[in-house]
Amino acid sequence: MDLLSGIIKAFSFPEVVSQDGGEVDGLVIAVHLLMLVLFVGWLIYYCVALWKFRATNNPKADYKGVKSKTITNSIEGAVIASELVLVVVAIYFWNFYVNEPSDFSEASVVRVTAEQFAWSARYPGADGKLGAQSKTLVSAANPFGIDKSKPYWEDDVEVLKSDIVVPMIKNEDGTHKSVTIDLTSTDVIHCFKVLPLRVCQDVIPGMRIPIHFRPTKVGRYQITCAQLCGDGHARMKGAVKVVDEVAWEEWYKAEVEKKKPAAEKSTATTANDDKA
């Protein structure tokens, strides 16, 4: 029984912590079932062909083969049908990640920037909007490539090479609030893959690629770079940290406080001491 349970566990899906993650699992199951049907179908065809055209039944080879087009048309039809099923099903499930959810807002967008070999993130400030970025502006002093000639960048919260923190918040209708991650890269192609959240997306330099998910469980989930991105590929580790609403507010306020100039922090501290 232990061996059987071990085998079942090895072939089971990993824990899902995303509201729409079950849909992705459904896609995986559908594709595997389709491949199983095709495998069995081709195996039957292969065995029938071996039996029908065996040497004892056909001692003299006929290079013209089967003259009827029934088999050819059947095979072509099966190939076309399977391709259509794959395309239709894949497009349906892909909508969960490329289309903006009903509760989308710019304030819930996190800009994740990949580089060799780390992940960094930017969050909208009080204005609820992210400033523009450009790959051509990336430098040691400007790791995100922020375009300071355009608005909204001054109050953005920046987290360099650390956990990407996202909130788990419930909407009034009982669903979980969506989180949007805009993916971009400063150097080569990477891949943002978080299995428990059921997200996997290539990160391409010069492009902003959004993905959407609805976290349903607090925890720290590993980011896997599923694209060979250089000699240090194995060292490119990161994590998405899902926190509840209270912890999110505390974390966000602490990060905003870090951005304030020293003089402003000193004034705020003095004001609090006077109130006390």
C-alpha atoms as a PDB file:
ATOM      1  CA  MET A   1       0.000   0.000   0.000  1.00  0.00           C
ATOM      2  CA  ASP A   2       2.859   2.371   0.768  1.00  0.00           C
ATOM      3  CA  LEU A   3       4.338   1.724  -2.683  1.00  0.00           C
ATOM      4  CA  LEU A   4       0.961   2.347  -4.348  1.00  0.00           C
ATOM      5  CA  SER A   5       0.352   5.549  -2.402  1.00  0.00           C
ATOM      6  CA  GLY A   6       3.884   6.704  -3.285  1.00  0.00           C
ATOM      7  CA  ILE A   7       3.236   6.108  -6.990  1.00  0.00           C
ATOM      8  CA  ILE A   8      -0.101   7.944  -6.825  1.00  0.00           C
ATOM      9  CA  LYS A   9       1.528  10.867  -5.025  1.00  0.00           C
ATOM     10  CA  ALA A  10       4.356  11.019  -7.571  1.00  0.00           C
ATOM     11  CA  PHE A  11       1.876  11.316 -10.452  1.00  0.00           C
ATOM     12  CA  SER A  12      -0.574  13.642  -8.675  1.00  0.00           C
ATOM     13  CA  PHE A  13      -0.846  17.367  -9.285  1.00  0.00           C
ATOM     14  CA  PRO A  14       1.010  19.624  -6.846  1.00  0.00           C
ATOM     15  CA  GLU A  15      -1.003  21.695  -4.386  1.00  0.00           C
ATOM     16  CA  VAL A  16      -3.125  24.352  -6.088  1.00  0.00           C
ATOM     17  CA  VAL A  17      -3.417  27.767  -4.387  1.00  0.00           C
ATOM     18  CA  SER A  18      -5.072  29.677  -7.223  1.00  0.00           C
ATOM     19  CA  GLN A  19      -8.818  30.017  -7.745  1.00  0.00           C
ATOM     20  CA  ASP A  20      -8.560  29.156 -11.444  1.00  0.00           C
ATOM     21  CA  GLY A  21      -5.838  26.558 -10.961  1.00  0.00           C
ATOM     22  CA  GLY A  22      -8.337  23.721 -11.282  1.00  0.00           C
ATOM     23  CA  GLU A  23      -9.110  24.912 -14.810  1.00  0.00           C
ATOM     24  CA  VAL A  24      -5.451  24.546 -15.733  1.00  0.00           C
ATOM     25  CA  ASP A  25      -5.398  21.042 -14.264  1.00  0.00           C
ATOM     26  CA  GLY A  26      -8.454  20.300 -16.388  1.00  0.00           C
ATOM     27  CA  LEU A  27      -6.545  21.403 -19.487  1.00  0.00           C
ATOM     28  CA  VAL A  28      -3.615  19.128 -18.602  1.00  0.00           C
ATOM     29  CA  ILE A  29      -5.963  16.178 -18.049  1.00  0.00           C
ATOM     30  CA  ALA A  30      -7.831  16.900 -21.319  1.00  0.00           C
ATOM     31  CA  VAL A  31      -4.585  16.998 -23.320  1.00  0.00           C
ATOM     32  CA  HIS A  32      -3.341  13.756 -21.755  1.00  0.00           C
ATOM     33  CA  LEU A  33      -6.667  12.014 -22.437  1.00  0.00           C
ATOM     34  CA  LEU A  34      -6.505  13.161 -26.058  1.00  0.00           C
ATOM     35  CA  MET A  35      -2.941  11.864 -26.347  1.00  0.00           C
ATOM     36  CA  LEU A  36      -4.060   8.551 -24.788  1.00  0.00           C
ATOM     37  CA  VAL A  37      -6.861   8.189 -27.349  1.00  0.00           C
ATOM     38  CA  LEU A  38      -4.433   8.942 -30.190  1.00  0.00           C
ATOM     39  CA  PHE A  39      -1.861   6.522 -28.767  1.00  0.00           C
ATOM     40  CA  VAL A  40      -4.370   3.667 -28.479  1.00  0.00           C
ATOM     41  CA  GLY A  41      -5.778   4.476 -31.917  1.00  0.00           C
ATOM     42  CA  TRP A  42      -2.365   4.405 -33.590  1.00  0.00           C
ATOM     43  CA  LEU A  43      -1.426   1.222 -31.692  1.00  0.00           C
ATOM     44  CA  ILE A  44      -4.571  -0.523 -32.964  1.00  0.00           C
ATOM     45  CA  TYR A  45      -3.881   0.688 -36.513  1.00  0.00           C
ATOM     46  CA  TYR A  46      -0.294  -0.565 -36.278  1.00  0.00           C
ATOM     47  CA  CYS A  47      -1.371  -4.037 -35.075  1.00  0.00           C
ATOM     48  CA  VAL A  48      -4.080  -4.295 -37.768  1.00  0.00           C
ATOM     49  CA  ALA A  49      -1.565  -3.300 -40.453  1.00  0.00           C
ATOM     50  CA  LEU A  50       0.913  -5.936 -39.220  1.00  0.00           C
ATOM     51  CA  TRP A  51      -1.787  -8.600 -39.276  1.00  0.00           C
ATOM     52  CA  LYS A  52      -3.366  -7.652 -42.601  1.00  0.00           C
ATOM     53  CA  PHE A  53      -0.112  -7.299 -44.509  1.00  0.00           C
ATOM     54  CA  ARG A  54       1.780 -10.202 -42.875  1.00  0.00           C
ATOM     55  CA  ALA A  55       4.168 -12.164 -45.090  1.00  0.00           C
ATOM     56  CA  THR A  56       2.122 -15.396 -44.994  1.00  0.00           C
ATOM     57  CA  ASN A  57      -0.922 -13.585 -46.352  1.00  0.00           C
ATOM     58  CA  ASN A  58       1.012 -11.457 -48.856  1.00  0.00           C
ATOM     59  CA  PRO A  59       4.070 -13.435 -49.981  1.00  0.00           C
ATOM     60  CA  LYS A  60       4.761 -11.011 -52.829  1.00  0.00           C
ATOM     61  CA  ALA A  61       5.356  -7.368 -51.982  1.00  0.00           C
ATOM     62  CA  ASP A  62       3.137  -4.810 -53.715  1.00  0.00           C
ATOM     63  CA  TYR A  63       4.776  -1.402 -53.958  1.00  0.00           C
ATOM     64  CA  LYS A  64       1.463   0.244 -54.873  1.00  0.00           C
ATOM     65  CA  GLY A  65       0.086  -0.537 -51.431  1.00  0.00           C
ATOM     66  CA  VAL A  66      -3.558   0.060 -50.585  1.00  0.00           C
ATOM     67  CA  LYS A  67      -5.426   1.741 -53.415  1.00  0.00           C
ATOM     68  CA  SER A  68      -8.450   2.771 -51.346  1.00  0.00           C
ATOM     69  CA  LYS A  69      -8.322   6.283 -49.836  1.00  0.00           C
ATOM     70  CA  THR A  70     -10.491   5.352 -46.879  1.00  0.00           C
ATOM     71  CA  ILE A  71      -7.561   4.863 -44.496  1.00  0.00           C
ATOM     72  CA  THR A  72      -5.744   7.975 -45.745  1.00  0.00           C
ATOM     73  CA  ASN A  73      -8.841  10.146 -45.342  1.00  0.00           C
ATOM     74  CA  SER A  74      -9.511   8.696 -41.881  1.00  0.00           C
ATOM     75  CA  ILE A  75      -5.970   9.475 -40.710  1.00  0.00           C
ATOM     76  CA  GLU A  76      -6.089  13.016 -42.100  1.00  0.00           C
ATOM     77  CA  GLY A  77      -9.471  13.561 -40.450  1.00  0.00           C
ATOM     78  CA  ALA A  78      -8.165  12.320 -37.082  1.00  0.00           C
ATOM     79  CA  VAL A  79      -5.131  14.640 -37.292  1.00  0.00           C
ATOM     80  CA  ILE A  80      -7.280  17.684 -38.172  1.00  0.00           C
ATOM     81  CA  ALA A  81      -9.816  16.883 -35.428  1.00  0.00           C
ATOM     82  CA  SER A  82      -7.128  16.478 -32.750  1.00  0.00           C
ATOM     83  CA  GLU A  83      -5.452  19.756 -33.782  1.00  0.00           C
ATOM     84  CA  LEU A  84      -8.783  21.596 -33.635  1.00  0.00           C
ATOM     85  CA  VAL A  85      -9.508  20.189 -30.177  1.00  0.00           C
ATOM     86  CA  LEU A  86      -6.078  21.262 -28.921  1.00  0.00           C
ATOM     87  CA  VAL A  87      -6.402  24.784 -30.367  1.00  0.00           C
ATOM     88  CA  VAL A  88      -9.957  25.363 -29.098  1.00  0.00           C
ATOM     89  CA  VAL A  89      -9.289  24.006 -25.598  1.00  0.00           C
ATOM     90  CA  ALA A  90      -5.951  25.833 -25.279  1.00  0.00           C
ATOM     91  CA  ILE A  91      -7.461  29.183 -26.338  1.00  0.00           C
ATOM     92  CA  TYR A  92     -10.327  28.754 -23.862  1.00  0.00           C
ATOM     93  CA  PHE A  93      -8.003  28.180 -20.916  1.00  0.00           C
ATOM     94  CA  TRP A  94      -5.453  30.764 -22.076  1.00  0.00           C
ATOM     95  CA  ASN A  95      -8.165  33.412 -21.616  1.00  0.00           C
ATOM     96  CA  PHE A  96      -7.752  33.082 -17.854  1.00  0.00           C
ATOM     97  CA  TYR A  97      -4.262  34.565 -18.108  1.00  0.00           C
ATOM     98  CA  VAL A  98      -4.319  37.033 -20.988  1.00  0.00           C
ATOM     99  CA  ASN A  99      -7.726  38.670 -20.531  1.00  0.00           C
ATOM    100  CA  GLU A 100      -8.175  41.238 -17.788  1.00  0.00           C
ATOM    101  CA  PRO A 101     -10.390  39.889 -14.980  1.00  0.00           C
ATOM    102  CA  SER A 102     -13.598  41.653 -14.005  1.00  0.00           C
ATOM    103  CA  ASP A 103     -12.021  43.165 -10.866  1.00  0.00           C
ATOM    104  CA  PHE A 104      -8.841  44.379 -12.592  1.00  0.00           C
ATOM    105  CA  SER A 105      -7.354  47.658 -11.412  1.00  0.00           C
ATOM    106  CA  GLU A 106      -4.038  49.345 -12.125  1.00  0.00           C
ATOM    107  CA  ALA A 107      -3.384  49.508  -8.374  1.00  0.00           C
ATOM    108  CA  SER A 108      -3.209  45.686  -8.215  1.00  0.00           C
ATOM    109  CA  VAL A 109      -0.513  45.390 -10.900  1.00  0.00           C
ATOM    110  CA  VAL A 110       2.981  44.257  -9.909  1.00  0.00           C
ATOM    111  CA  ARG A 111       5.772  44.840 -12.448  1.00  0.00           C
ATOM    112  CA  VAL A 112       8.205  41.921 -12.165  1.00  0.00           C
ATOM    113  CA  THR A 113      11.585  42.357 -13.859  1.00  0.00           C
ATOM    114  CA  ALA A 114      13.833  39.376 -14.531  1.00  0.00           C
ATOM    115  CA  GLU A 115      17.582  39.565 -14.910  1.00  0.00           C
ATOM    116  CA  GLN A 116      20.532  37.208 -14.704  1.00  0.00           C
ATOM    117  CA  PHE A 117      19.966  35.795 -12.113  1.00  0.00           C
ATOM    118  CA  ALA A 118      17.242  37.301  -9.912  1.00  0.00           C
ATOM    119  CA  TRP A 119      13.685  38.641  -9.770  1.00  0.00           C
ATOM    120  CA  SER A 120      12.752  42.186  -8.730  1.00  0.00           C
ATOM    121  CA  ALA A 121       9.376  43.898  -8.392  1.00  0.00           C
ATOM    122  CA  ARG A 122       7.757  47.348  -8.499  1.00  0.00           C
ATOM    123  CA  TYR A 123       4.407  48.253  -6.959  1.00  0.00           C
ATOM    124  CA  PRO A 124       2.208  51.292  -7.681  1.00  0.00           C
ATOM    125  CA  GLY A 125       2.444  54.094  -5.143  1.00  0.00           C
ATOM    126  CA  ALA A 126      -0.333  56.285  -3.777  1.00  0.00           C
ATOM    127  CA  ASP A 127      -1.407  57.311  -7.300  1.00  0.00           C
ATOM    128  CA  GLY A 128      -2.234  53.683  -8.107  1.00  0.00           C
ATOM    129  CA  LYS A 129      -0.182  53.709 -11.304  1.00  0.00           C
ATOM    130  CA  LEU A 130       3.243  52.442 -12.311  1.00  0.00           C
ATOM    131  CA  GLY A 131       5.797  54.594 -14.038  1.00  0.00           C
ATOM    132  CA  ALA A 132       7.120  53.636 -17.469  1.00  0.00           C
ATOM    133  CA  GLN A 133      10.174  51.414 -17.911  1.00  0.00           C
ATOM    134  CA  SER A 134      12.541  50.977 -20.843  1.00  0.00           C
ATOM    135  CA  LYS A 135      15.167  48.301 -21.396  1.00  0.00           C
ATOM    136  CA  THR A 136      17.496  50.901 -22.930  1.00  0.00           C
ATOM    137  CA  LEU A 137      17.589  52.881 -19.659  1.00  0.00           C
ATOM    138  CA  VAL A 138      18.752  49.987 -17.450  1.00  0.00           C
ATOM    139  CA  SER A 139      21.948  50.778 -15.561  1.00  0.00           C
ATOM    140  CA  ALA A 140      23.558  50.173 -12.174  1.00  0.00           C
ATOM    141  CA  ALA A 141      21.907  53.349 -10.871  1.00  0.00           C
ATOM    142  CA  ASN A 142      18.589  52.557 -12.599  1.00  0.00           C
ATOM    143  CA  PRO A 143      18.141  48.755 -12.397  1.00  0.00           C
ATOM    144  CA  PHE A 144      14.487  48.891 -13.468  1.00  0.00           C
ATOM    145  CA  GLY A 145      15.141  51.158 -16.435  1.00  0.00           C
ATOM    146  CA  ILE A 146      12.625  53.732 -15.176  1.00  0.00           C
ATOM    147  CA  ASP A 147      11.764  56.460 -17.674  1.00  0.00           C
ATOM    148  CA  LYS A 148      11.890  59.523 -15.434  1.00  0.00           C
ATOM    149  CA  SER A 149      10.690  61.818 -18.214  1.00  0.00           C
ATOM    150  CA  LYS A 150       7.194  60.326 -17.776  1.00  0.00           C
ATOM    151  CA  PRO A 151       4.855  60.589 -14.753  1.00  0.00           C
ATOM    152  CA  TYR A 152       3.851  58.220 -11.955  1.00  0.00           C
ATOM    153  CA  TRP A 153       7.304  56.784 -11.131  1.00  0.00           C
ATOM    154  CA  GLU A 154       8.218  58.917  -8.101  1.00  0.00           C
ATOM    155  CA  ASP A 155       6.107  57.055  -5.527  1.00  0.00           C
ATOM    156  CA  ASP A 156       6.500  53.517  -6.905  1.00  0.00           C
ATOM    157  CA  VAL A 157       7.598  50.918  -4.364  1.00  0.00           C
ATOM    158  CA  GLU A 158      10.675  48.975  -5.455  1.00  0.00           C
ATOM    159  CA  VAL A 159      11.800  45.610  -4.110  1.00  0.00           C
ATOM    160  CA  LEU A 160      15.141  44.423  -5.484  1.00  0.00           C
ATOM    161  CA  LYS A 161      16.012  40.718  -5.614  1.00  0.00           C
ATOM    162  CA  SER A 162      13.619  39.668  -2.875  1.00  0.00           C
ATOM    163  CA  ASP A 163      10.286  37.889  -2.424  1.00  0.00           C
ATOM    164  CA  ILE A 164       7.451  39.145  -4.617  1.00  0.00           C
ATOM    165  CA  VAL A 165       4.713  39.867  -2.081  1.00  0.00           C
ATOM    166  CA  VAL A 166       1.076  39.728  -3.243  1.00  0.00           C
ATOM    167  CA  PRO A 167      -2.157  39.997  -1.226  1.00  0.00           C
ATOM    168  CA  MET A 168      -4.867  37.395  -0.759  1.00  0.00           C
ATOM    169  CA  ILE A 169      -8.088  39.399  -0.556  1.00  0.00           C
ATOM    170  CA  LYS A 170     -11.682  38.207  -0.834  1.00  0.00           C
ATOM    171  CA  ASN A 171     -14.211  40.119  -2.922  1.00  0.00           C
ATOM    172  CA  GLU A 172     -17.766  40.753  -1.740  1.00  0.00           C
ATOM    173  CA  ASP A 173     -19.083  38.013  -4.040  1.00  0.00           C
ATOM    174  CA  GLY A 174     -16.878  35.394  -2.348  1.00  0.00           C
ATOM    175  CA  THR A 175     -14.270  35.188  -5.092  1.00  0.00           C
ATOM    176  CA  HIS A 176     -10.641  36.051  -4.450  1.00  0.00           C
ATOM    177  CA  LYS A 177      -9.255  39.320  -5.766  1.00  0.00           C
ATOM    178  CA  SER A 178      -7.105  38.970  -8.850  1.00  0.00           C
ATOM    179  CA  VAL A 179      -3.433  39.896  -8.949  1.00  0.00           C
ATOM    180  CA  THR A 180      -1.830  41.023 -12.195  1.00  0.00           C
ATOM    181  CA  ILE A 181       1.884  40.572 -12.767  1.00  0.00           C
ATOM    182  CA  ASP A 182       3.487  42.419 -15.684  1.00  0.00           C
ATOM    183  CA  LEU A 183       6.559  40.494 -16.747  1.00  0.00           C
ATOM    184  CA  THR A 184       9.609  41.963 -18.448  1.00  0.00           C
ATOM    185  CA  SER A 185      13.328  41.217 -18.705  1.00  0.00           C
ATOM    186  CA  THR A 186      16.435  43.389 -18.817  1.00  0.00           C
ATOM    187  CA  ASP A 187      18.709  40.910 -20.612  1.00  0.00           C
ATOM    188  CA  VAL A 188      17.665  37.509 -21.996  1.00  0.00           C
ATOM    189  CA  ILE A 189      14.525  35.365 -22.140  1.00  0.00           C
ATOM    190  CA  HIS A 190      13.520  33.929 -18.759  1.00  0.00           C
ATOM    191  CA  CYS A 191      10.395  32.054 -17.666  1.00  0.00           C
ATOM    192  CA  PHE A 192       8.179  32.850 -14.664  1.00  0.00           C
ATOM    193  CA  LYS A 193       6.781  29.549 -13.400  1.00  0.00           C
ATOM    194  CA  VAL A 194       5.017  29.076 -10.059  1.00  0.00           C
ATOM    195  CA  LEU A 195       3.473  25.613  -9.951  1.00  0.00           C
ATOM    196  CA  PRO A 196       1.060  26.050  -6.983  1.00  0.00           C
ATOM    197  CA  LEU A 197      -0.370  29.179  -8.664  1.00  0.00           C
ATOM    198  CA  ARG A 198      -0.524  27.345 -12.011  1.00  0.00           C
ATOM    199  CA  VAL A 199       1.237  30.123 -13.903  1.00  0.00           C
ATOM    200  CA  CYS A 200       4.019  29.715 -16.458  1.00  0.00           C
ATOM    201  CA  GLN A 201       4.997  32.495 -18.841  1.00  0.00           C
ATOM    202  CA  ASP A 202       8.119  33.323 -20.839  1.00  0.00           C
ATOM    203  CA  VAL A 203       9.641  36.693 -19.943  1.00  0.00           C
ATOM    204  CA  ILE A 204      10.931  38.477 -23.046  1.00  0.00           C
ATOM    205  CA  PRO A 205      13.231  41.525 -23.123  1.00  0.00           C
ATOM    206  CA  GLY A 206      11.540  44.712 -24.294  1.00  0.00           C
ATOM    207  CA  MET A 207       8.021  43.326 -23.791  1.00  0.00           C
ATOM    208  CA  ARG A 208       5.445  43.620 -21.013  1.00  0.00           C
ATOM    209  CA  ILE A 209       3.482  40.390 -20.700  1.00  0.00           C
ATOM    210  CA  PRO A 210       0.640  40.328 -18.136  1.00  0.00           C
ATOM    211  CA  ILE A 211      -0.543  37.233 -16.272  1.00  0.00           C
ATOM    212  CA  HIS A 212      -3.515  37.096 -13.899  1.00  0.00           C
ATOM    213  CA  PHE A 213      -4.230  34.782 -10.975  1.00  0.00           C
ATOM    214  CA  ARG A 214      -6.310  34.730  -7.790  1.00  0.00           C
ATOM    215  CA  PRO A 215      -4.309  33.436  -4.783  1.00  0.00           C
ATOM    216  CA  THR A 216      -6.378  31.463  -2.273  1.00  0.00           C
ATOM    217  CA  LYS A 217      -3.839  30.453   0.376  1.00  0.00           C
ATOM    218  CA  VAL A 218      -1.116  32.335   2.208  1.00  0.00           C
ATOM    219  CA  GLY A 219       2.376  30.941   1.881  1.00  0.00           C
ATOM    220  CA  ARG A 220       5.709  31.256   0.118  1.00  0.00           C
ATOM    221  CA  TYR A 221       5.875  29.605  -3.297  1.00  0.00           C
ATOM    222  CA  GLN A 222       9.033  29.080  -5.322  1.00  0.00           C
ATOM    223  CA  ILE A 223       9.553  30.734  -8.696  1.00  0.00           C
ATOM    224  CA  THR A 224      11.190  28.415 -11.205  1.00  0.00           C
ATOM    225  CA  CYS A 225      12.938  29.918 -14.216  1.00  0.00           C
ATOM    226  CA  ALA A 226      11.792  27.334 -16.766  1.00  0.00           C
ATOM    227  CA  GLN A 227      13.964  28.743 -19.548  1.00  0.00           C
ATOM    228  CA  LEU A 228      17.715  28.228 -19.834  1.00  0.00           C
ATOM    229  CA  CYS A 229      19.007  31.774 -19.306  1.00  0.00           C
ATOM    230  CA  GLY A 230      22.780  31.428 -18.960  1.00  0.00           C
ATOM    231  CA  ASP A 231      25.555  29.728 -17.020  1.00  0.00           C
ATOM    232  CA  GLY A 232      23.997  30.757 -13.692  1.00  0.00           C
ATOM    233  CA  HIS A 233      20.507  29.494 -14.594  1.00  0.00           C
ATOM    234  CA  ALA A 234      20.421  27.101 -11.633  1.00  0.00           C
ATOM    235  CA  ARG A 235      21.040  30.010  -9.242  1.00  0.00           C
ATOM    236  CA  MET A 236      18.039  32.015 -10.461  1.00  0.00           C
ATOM    237  CA  LYS A 237      15.739  31.487  -7.519  1.00  0.00           C
ATOM    238  CA  GLY A 238      12.876  33.544  -6.200  1.00  0.00           C
ATOM    239  CA  ALA A 239       9.526  33.272  -4.462  1.00  0.00           C
ATOM    240  CA  VAL A 240       6.002  34.642  -4.565  1.00  0.00           C
ATOM    241  CA  LYS A 241       4.865  35.327  -1.015  1.00  0.00           C
ATOM    242  CA  VAL A 242       1.089  35.380  -0.575  1.00  0.00           C
ATOM    243  CA  VAL A 243      -0.062  37.224   2.557  1.00  0.00           C
ATOM    244  CA  ASP A 244      -3.457  38.095   3.995  1.00  0.00           C
ATOM    245  CA  GLU A 245      -4.925  41.588   3.759  1.00  0.00           C
ATOM    246  CA  VAL A 246      -3.668  42.767   7.159  1.00  0.00           C
ATOM    247  CA  ALA A 247      -0.122  41.542   6.552  1.00  0.00           C
ATOM    248  CA  TRP A 248      -0.212  43.104   3.091  1.00  0.00           C
ATOM    249  CA  GLU A 249      -1.153  46.539   4.479  1.00  0.00           C
ATOM    250  CA  GLU A 250       1.621  46.346   7.066  1.00  0.00           C
ATOM    251  CA  TRP A 251       4.208  45.262   4.502  1.00  0.00           C
ATOM    252  CA  TYR A 252       3.170  47.918   1.999  1.00  0.00           C
ATOM    253  CA  LYS A 253       3.269  50.709   4.590  1.00  0.00           C
ATOM    254  CA  ALA A 254       6.728  49.585   5.701  1.00  0.00           C
ATOM    255  CA  GLU A 255       8.005  49.652   2.094  1.00  0.00           C
ATOM    256  CA  VAL A 256       6.495  53.107   1.507  1.00  0.00           C
ATOM    257  CA  GLU A 257       8.205  54.312   4.685  1.00  0.00           C
ATOM    258  CA  LYS A 258      11.572  53.108   3.357  1.00  0.00           C
ATOM    259  CA  LYS A 259      11.182  55.383   0.334  1.00  0.00           C
ATOM    260  CA  LYS A 260      10.724  58.524   2.398  1.00  0.00           C
ATOM    261  CA  PRO A 261      13.757  60.821   2.702  1.00  0.00           C
ATOM    262  CA  ALA A 262      15.589  60.777   6.040  1.00  0.00           C
ATOM    263  CA  ALA A 263      14.431  64.340   6.859  1.00  0.00           C
ATOM    264  CA  GLU A 264      10.790  63.412   6.298  1.00  0.00           C
ATOM    265  CA  LYS A 265      11.142  60.322   8.496  1.00  0.00           C
ATOM    266  CA  SER A 266      12.722  62.414  11.251  1.00  0.00           C
ATOM    267  CA  THR A 267       9.833  64.938  11.089  1.00  0.00           C
ATOM    268  CA  ALA A 268       7.260  62.154  11.291  1.00  0.00           C
ATOM    269  CA  THR A 269       9.044  60.578  14.275  1.00  0.00           C
ATOM    270  CA  THR A 270       9.188  63.928  16.109  1.00  0.00           C
ATOM    271  CA  ALA A 271       5.489  64.530  15.464  1.00  0.00           C
ATOM    272  CA  ASN A 272       4.623  61.124  16.896  1.00  0.00           C
ATOM    273  CA  ASP A 273       6.785  61.773  19.981  1.00  0.00           C
ATOM    274  CA  ASP A 274       5.023  65.126  20.550  1.00  0.00           C
ATOM    275  CA  LYS A 275       1.615  63.407  20.383  1.00  0.00           C
ATOM    276  CA  ALA A 276       2.795  60.851  22.897  1.00  0.00           C
END
